N, C-alpha and C. Protein backbone atom coordinates (compact mmCIF):
# COMPACT_ATOMS: atom_id res chain seq x y z
N MET A 1 114.17 96.35 96.21
CA MET A 1 112.88 96.98 96.31
C MET A 1 111.86 96.12 95.57
N ASP A 2 110.72 95.88 96.19
CA ASP A 2 109.72 95.07 95.51
C ASP A 2 108.91 95.92 94.53
N ALA A 3 108.16 95.27 93.68
CA ALA A 3 107.45 95.96 92.60
C ALA A 3 106.43 96.96 93.12
N GLN A 4 105.69 96.60 94.15
CA GLN A 4 104.69 97.53 94.68
C GLN A 4 105.37 98.76 95.26
N ARG A 5 106.45 98.58 95.96
CA ARG A 5 107.20 99.71 96.54
C ARG A 5 107.74 100.61 95.42
N PHE A 6 108.21 100.01 94.34
CA PHE A 6 108.70 100.77 93.19
C PHE A 6 107.60 101.70 92.69
N LEU A 7 106.42 101.15 92.50
CA LEU A 7 105.31 101.96 92.00
C LEU A 7 104.89 103.04 92.99
N GLU A 8 104.97 102.75 94.28
CA GLU A 8 104.60 103.73 95.30
C GLU A 8 105.59 104.88 95.36
N LEU A 9 106.87 104.61 95.13
CA LEU A 9 107.91 105.62 95.27
C LEU A 9 108.25 106.34 93.98
N ALA A 10 108.03 105.69 92.84
CA ALA A 10 108.43 106.29 91.57
C ALA A 10 107.56 107.50 91.25
N GLY A 11 108.21 108.59 90.90
CA GLY A 11 107.47 109.75 90.45
C GLY A 11 106.99 109.54 89.03
N ASP A 12 106.12 110.40 88.57
CA ASP A 12 105.58 110.26 87.22
C ASP A 12 106.67 110.19 86.16
N ASP A 13 107.66 111.06 86.24
CA ASP A 13 108.72 111.07 85.23
C ASP A 13 109.53 109.78 85.26
N GLU A 14 109.87 109.31 86.47
CA GLU A 14 110.64 108.07 86.59
C GLU A 14 109.86 106.88 86.06
N LEU A 15 108.57 106.83 86.38
CA LEU A 15 107.74 105.71 85.94
C LEU A 15 107.58 105.72 84.42
N LEU A 16 107.35 106.90 83.85
CA LEU A 16 107.23 106.99 82.39
C LEU A 16 108.53 106.60 81.71
N GLN A 17 109.66 107.03 82.26
CA GLN A 17 110.95 106.65 81.67
C GLN A 17 111.12 105.14 81.70
N PHE A 18 110.79 104.52 82.83
CA PHE A 18 110.89 103.07 82.96
C PHE A 18 110.01 102.37 81.92
N LEU A 19 108.75 102.80 81.82
CA LEU A 19 107.81 102.15 80.91
C LEU A 19 108.19 102.35 79.44
N ARG A 20 108.74 103.51 79.09
CA ARG A 20 109.18 103.73 77.70
C ARG A 20 110.33 102.80 77.33
N ARG A 21 111.20 102.54 78.27
CA ARG A 21 112.37 101.71 78.01
C ARG A 21 112.06 100.22 78.07
N LEU A 22 110.97 99.86 78.71
CA LEU A 22 110.65 98.45 78.93
C LEU A 22 110.63 97.62 77.65
N PRO A 23 109.99 98.05 76.57
CA PRO A 23 109.99 97.21 75.37
C PRO A 23 111.39 96.97 74.80
N MET A 24 112.33 97.85 75.13
CA MET A 24 113.68 97.73 74.61
C MET A 24 114.36 96.47 75.15
N VAL A 25 114.04 96.08 76.37
CA VAL A 25 114.80 95.02 77.02
C VAL A 25 113.97 93.89 77.58
N ALA A 26 112.66 93.98 77.52
CA ALA A 26 111.85 93.00 78.23
C ALA A 26 111.11 92.05 77.32
N GLY A 27 111.43 92.03 76.07
CA GLY A 27 110.78 91.09 75.18
C GLY A 27 111.20 89.67 75.47
N ASN A 28 110.37 88.74 75.09
CA ASN A 28 110.67 87.33 75.30
C ASN A 28 110.69 86.60 73.97
N ASP A 29 111.57 85.65 73.85
CA ASP A 29 111.63 84.81 72.65
C ASP A 29 110.34 84.04 72.43
N ASP A 30 109.75 83.59 73.53
CA ASP A 30 108.63 82.66 73.43
C ASP A 30 107.27 83.27 73.69
N GLY A 31 107.11 84.56 73.48
CA GLY A 31 105.78 85.13 73.66
C GLY A 31 105.79 86.49 74.30
N PRO A 32 104.60 86.95 74.66
CA PRO A 32 104.48 88.30 75.21
C PRO A 32 105.03 88.40 76.63
N VAL A 33 105.24 89.62 77.06
CA VAL A 33 105.65 89.88 78.42
C VAL A 33 104.43 89.71 79.32
N THR A 34 104.58 88.89 80.35
CA THR A 34 103.47 88.62 81.27
C THR A 34 103.58 89.53 82.49
N LEU A 35 102.56 89.51 83.33
CA LEU A 35 102.59 90.32 84.55
C LEU A 35 103.77 89.93 85.45
N PRO A 36 104.06 88.63 85.64
CA PRO A 36 105.26 88.30 86.42
C PRO A 36 106.55 88.84 85.77
N ASP A 37 106.60 88.89 84.45
CA ASP A 37 107.77 89.47 83.77
C ASP A 37 107.87 90.96 84.09
N LEU A 38 106.74 91.66 84.06
CA LEU A 38 106.72 93.09 84.36
C LEU A 38 107.16 93.33 85.81
N ILE A 39 106.70 92.52 86.72
CA ILE A 39 107.09 92.66 88.13
C ILE A 39 108.59 92.44 88.27
N TYR A 40 109.11 91.43 87.57
CA TYR A 40 110.56 91.20 87.59
C TYR A 40 111.31 92.43 87.10
N GLU A 41 110.85 93.02 85.98
CA GLU A 41 111.52 94.21 85.42
C GLU A 41 111.48 95.37 86.41
N MET A 42 110.38 95.53 87.14
CA MET A 42 110.30 96.60 88.14
C MET A 42 111.30 96.37 89.26
N LYS A 43 111.42 95.13 89.70
CA LYS A 43 112.38 94.81 90.75
C LYS A 43 113.81 95.00 90.25
N LEU A 44 114.02 94.71 88.98
CA LEU A 44 115.36 94.81 88.38
C LEU A 44 115.79 96.26 88.15
N TRP A 45 114.84 97.16 87.90
CA TRP A 45 115.16 98.52 87.48
C TRP A 45 116.18 99.24 88.37
N PRO A 46 116.05 99.23 89.71
CA PRO A 46 117.08 99.91 90.51
C PRO A 46 118.48 99.35 90.29
N PHE A 47 118.57 98.05 90.06
CA PHE A 47 119.87 97.43 89.78
C PHE A 47 120.41 97.88 88.43
N VAL A 48 119.51 98.05 87.46
CA VAL A 48 119.90 98.52 86.13
C VAL A 48 120.45 99.94 86.22
N VAL A 49 119.75 100.79 86.95
CA VAL A 49 120.18 102.19 87.10
C VAL A 49 121.58 102.25 87.70
N GLU A 50 121.83 101.44 88.72
CA GLU A 50 123.15 101.41 89.35
C GLU A 50 124.21 100.82 88.41
N ALA A 51 123.85 99.79 87.68
CA ALA A 51 124.82 99.16 86.77
C ALA A 51 125.24 100.11 85.66
N TRP A 52 124.32 100.96 85.17
CA TRP A 52 124.69 101.93 84.13
C TRP A 52 125.79 102.85 84.62
N LYS A 53 125.82 103.11 85.91
CA LYS A 53 126.85 104.00 86.48
C LYS A 53 128.21 103.33 86.53
N ARG A 54 128.22 101.99 86.57
CA ARG A 54 129.47 101.26 86.78
C ARG A 54 130.00 100.53 85.56
N VAL A 55 129.19 100.38 84.52
CA VAL A 55 129.63 99.63 83.34
C VAL A 55 129.99 100.61 82.23
N ASP A 56 131.24 100.60 81.86
CA ASP A 56 131.71 101.49 80.79
C ASP A 56 131.24 100.98 79.43
N GLY A 57 131.11 101.92 78.50
CA GLY A 57 130.72 101.56 77.15
C GLY A 57 131.46 102.41 76.13
N GLU A 58 131.44 101.96 74.92
CA GLU A 58 132.05 102.69 73.82
C GLU A 58 130.98 103.50 73.10
N PRO A 59 131.35 104.61 72.50
CA PRO A 59 130.35 105.40 71.78
C PRO A 59 129.83 104.67 70.54
N GLY A 60 128.69 105.12 70.07
CA GLY A 60 128.10 104.53 68.87
C GLY A 60 127.16 103.39 69.20
N PHE A 61 126.38 103.05 68.20
CA PHE A 61 125.35 102.04 68.36
C PHE A 61 125.89 100.68 68.82
N PRO A 62 126.91 100.11 68.17
CA PRO A 62 127.41 98.80 68.61
C PRO A 62 127.96 98.83 70.04
N GLY A 63 128.65 99.90 70.39
CA GLY A 63 129.21 100.02 71.73
C GLY A 63 128.14 100.09 72.80
N ARG A 64 127.06 100.78 72.50
CA ARG A 64 125.98 100.92 73.48
C ARG A 64 125.16 99.64 73.60
N ILE A 65 125.01 98.91 72.50
CA ILE A 65 124.32 97.60 72.58
C ILE A 65 125.12 96.67 73.50
N LEU A 66 126.42 96.63 73.31
CA LEU A 66 127.27 95.79 74.16
C LEU A 66 127.20 96.25 75.61
N GLN A 67 127.24 97.57 75.83
CA GLN A 67 127.15 98.10 77.18
C GLN A 67 125.82 97.70 77.82
N MET A 68 124.72 97.85 77.08
CA MET A 68 123.42 97.50 77.62
C MET A 68 123.37 96.02 77.99
N SER A 69 123.95 95.18 77.17
CA SER A 69 123.97 93.75 77.47
C SER A 69 124.72 93.49 78.77
N LYS A 70 125.85 94.15 78.96
CA LYS A 70 126.64 93.98 80.18
C LYS A 70 125.90 94.54 81.40
N VAL A 71 125.22 95.68 81.21
CA VAL A 71 124.47 96.29 82.30
C VAL A 71 123.40 95.34 82.79
N TYR A 72 122.61 94.79 81.87
CA TYR A 72 121.53 93.90 82.28
C TYR A 72 122.06 92.59 82.85
N LYS A 73 123.16 92.10 82.33
CA LYS A 73 123.75 90.88 82.88
C LYS A 73 124.17 91.12 84.33
N ARG A 74 124.82 92.25 84.58
CA ARG A 74 125.26 92.58 85.93
C ARG A 74 124.05 92.79 86.86
N ALA A 75 123.07 93.55 86.39
CA ALA A 75 121.89 93.84 87.21
C ALA A 75 121.15 92.56 87.56
N GLU A 76 120.98 91.68 86.58
CA GLU A 76 120.29 90.41 86.83
C GLU A 76 121.05 89.55 87.82
N ALA A 77 122.37 89.52 87.72
CA ALA A 77 123.19 88.74 88.65
C ALA A 77 123.06 89.29 90.07
N GLU A 78 123.06 90.61 90.20
CA GLU A 78 122.95 91.21 91.53
C GLU A 78 121.57 90.98 92.14
N LEU A 79 120.51 91.09 91.32
CA LEU A 79 119.17 90.81 91.82
C LEU A 79 119.05 89.35 92.24
N GLU A 80 119.58 88.45 91.42
CA GLU A 80 119.52 87.02 91.75
C GLU A 80 120.29 86.72 93.03
N GLU A 81 121.45 87.34 93.19
CA GLU A 81 122.25 87.11 94.39
C GLU A 81 121.49 87.59 95.64
N LEU A 82 120.79 88.70 95.52
CA LEU A 82 120.08 89.26 96.66
C LEU A 82 118.77 88.54 96.96
N THR A 83 118.03 88.16 95.91
CA THR A 83 116.68 87.63 96.12
C THR A 83 116.47 86.20 95.65
N GLY A 84 117.37 85.70 94.80
CA GLY A 84 117.20 84.37 94.23
C GLY A 84 116.32 84.37 92.99
N GLU A 85 115.77 85.52 92.61
CA GLU A 85 114.87 85.59 91.45
C GLU A 85 115.67 85.62 90.15
N LYS A 86 115.11 84.92 89.14
CA LYS A 86 115.73 84.88 87.82
C LYS A 86 114.70 85.29 86.77
N ARG A 87 115.20 85.78 85.65
CA ARG A 87 114.34 86.10 84.51
C ARG A 87 113.70 84.80 84.02
N ARG A 88 112.40 84.85 83.73
CA ARG A 88 111.64 83.67 83.32
C ARG A 88 112.10 83.15 81.95
N LEU A 89 112.26 84.04 81.00
CA LEU A 89 112.69 83.69 79.65
C LEU A 89 113.84 84.60 79.23
N PRO A 90 114.66 84.17 78.29
CA PRO A 90 115.76 85.03 77.84
C PRO A 90 115.26 86.39 77.35
N ARG A 91 116.02 87.41 77.69
CA ARG A 91 115.70 88.78 77.29
C ARG A 91 116.03 88.97 75.82
N VAL A 92 115.17 89.71 75.14
CA VAL A 92 115.40 90.04 73.73
C VAL A 92 115.44 91.56 73.62
N ILE A 93 116.46 92.09 72.96
CA ILE A 93 116.55 93.53 72.77
C ILE A 93 115.76 93.90 71.52
N ASP A 94 114.79 94.80 71.68
CA ASP A 94 114.03 95.32 70.55
C ASP A 94 114.86 96.45 69.95
N LEU A 95 115.52 96.17 68.84
CA LEU A 95 116.44 97.14 68.25
C LEU A 95 115.75 98.42 67.78
N THR A 96 114.52 98.33 67.34
CA THR A 96 113.79 99.52 66.91
C THR A 96 113.58 100.46 68.09
N VAL A 97 113.13 99.91 69.21
CA VAL A 97 112.92 100.73 70.40
C VAL A 97 114.26 101.24 70.92
N PHE A 98 115.29 100.38 70.90
CA PHE A 98 116.62 100.81 71.33
C PHE A 98 117.10 102.01 70.52
N LEU A 99 116.98 101.92 69.20
CA LEU A 99 117.42 103.04 68.34
C LEU A 99 116.64 104.32 68.65
N ASP A 100 115.35 104.20 68.89
CA ASP A 100 114.55 105.36 69.19
C ASP A 100 114.99 106.00 70.50
N ILE A 101 115.18 105.20 71.53
CA ILE A 101 115.61 105.73 72.82
C ILE A 101 117.03 106.29 72.72
N TYR A 102 117.90 105.57 72.06
CA TYR A 102 119.30 106.00 71.90
C TYR A 102 119.37 107.33 71.15
N SER A 103 118.56 107.48 70.12
CA SER A 103 118.58 108.68 69.30
C SER A 103 117.85 109.87 69.92
N ASN A 104 116.75 109.62 70.62
CA ASN A 104 115.92 110.71 71.09
C ASN A 104 116.07 111.05 72.56
N GLU A 105 116.36 110.07 73.39
CA GLU A 105 116.46 110.31 74.82
C GLU A 105 117.88 110.15 75.34
N GLY A 106 118.60 109.25 74.74
CA GLY A 106 119.91 108.89 75.27
C GLY A 106 119.74 107.80 76.31
N LEU A 107 120.79 107.12 76.59
CA LEU A 107 120.78 106.05 77.58
C LEU A 107 121.22 106.64 78.91
N PRO A 108 120.86 105.99 80.01
CA PRO A 108 121.23 106.54 81.34
C PRO A 108 122.73 106.75 81.46
């Protein structure tokens, strides 16, 4: 699904959930997230949702960090295989945002 289609189809709750989680996984080592980075994350999101269903994880903070890493690795590989698109810069996990989401919302 392309980024524009994602925005057209996503309901308010789905879009807000996506945007709240974005800082957790979309940071870049070399600077801020750009518009092309945001578009990539929107295209990646359906793959992430599916990967969460298929990647097992262990309970607790360390287990979920490892699970999230595997989820995004799988999702990125599947998106690349389908479209040829790759993440522009390495992904950085914002641990503060991760802890907040893990503690208050839970992971998918």
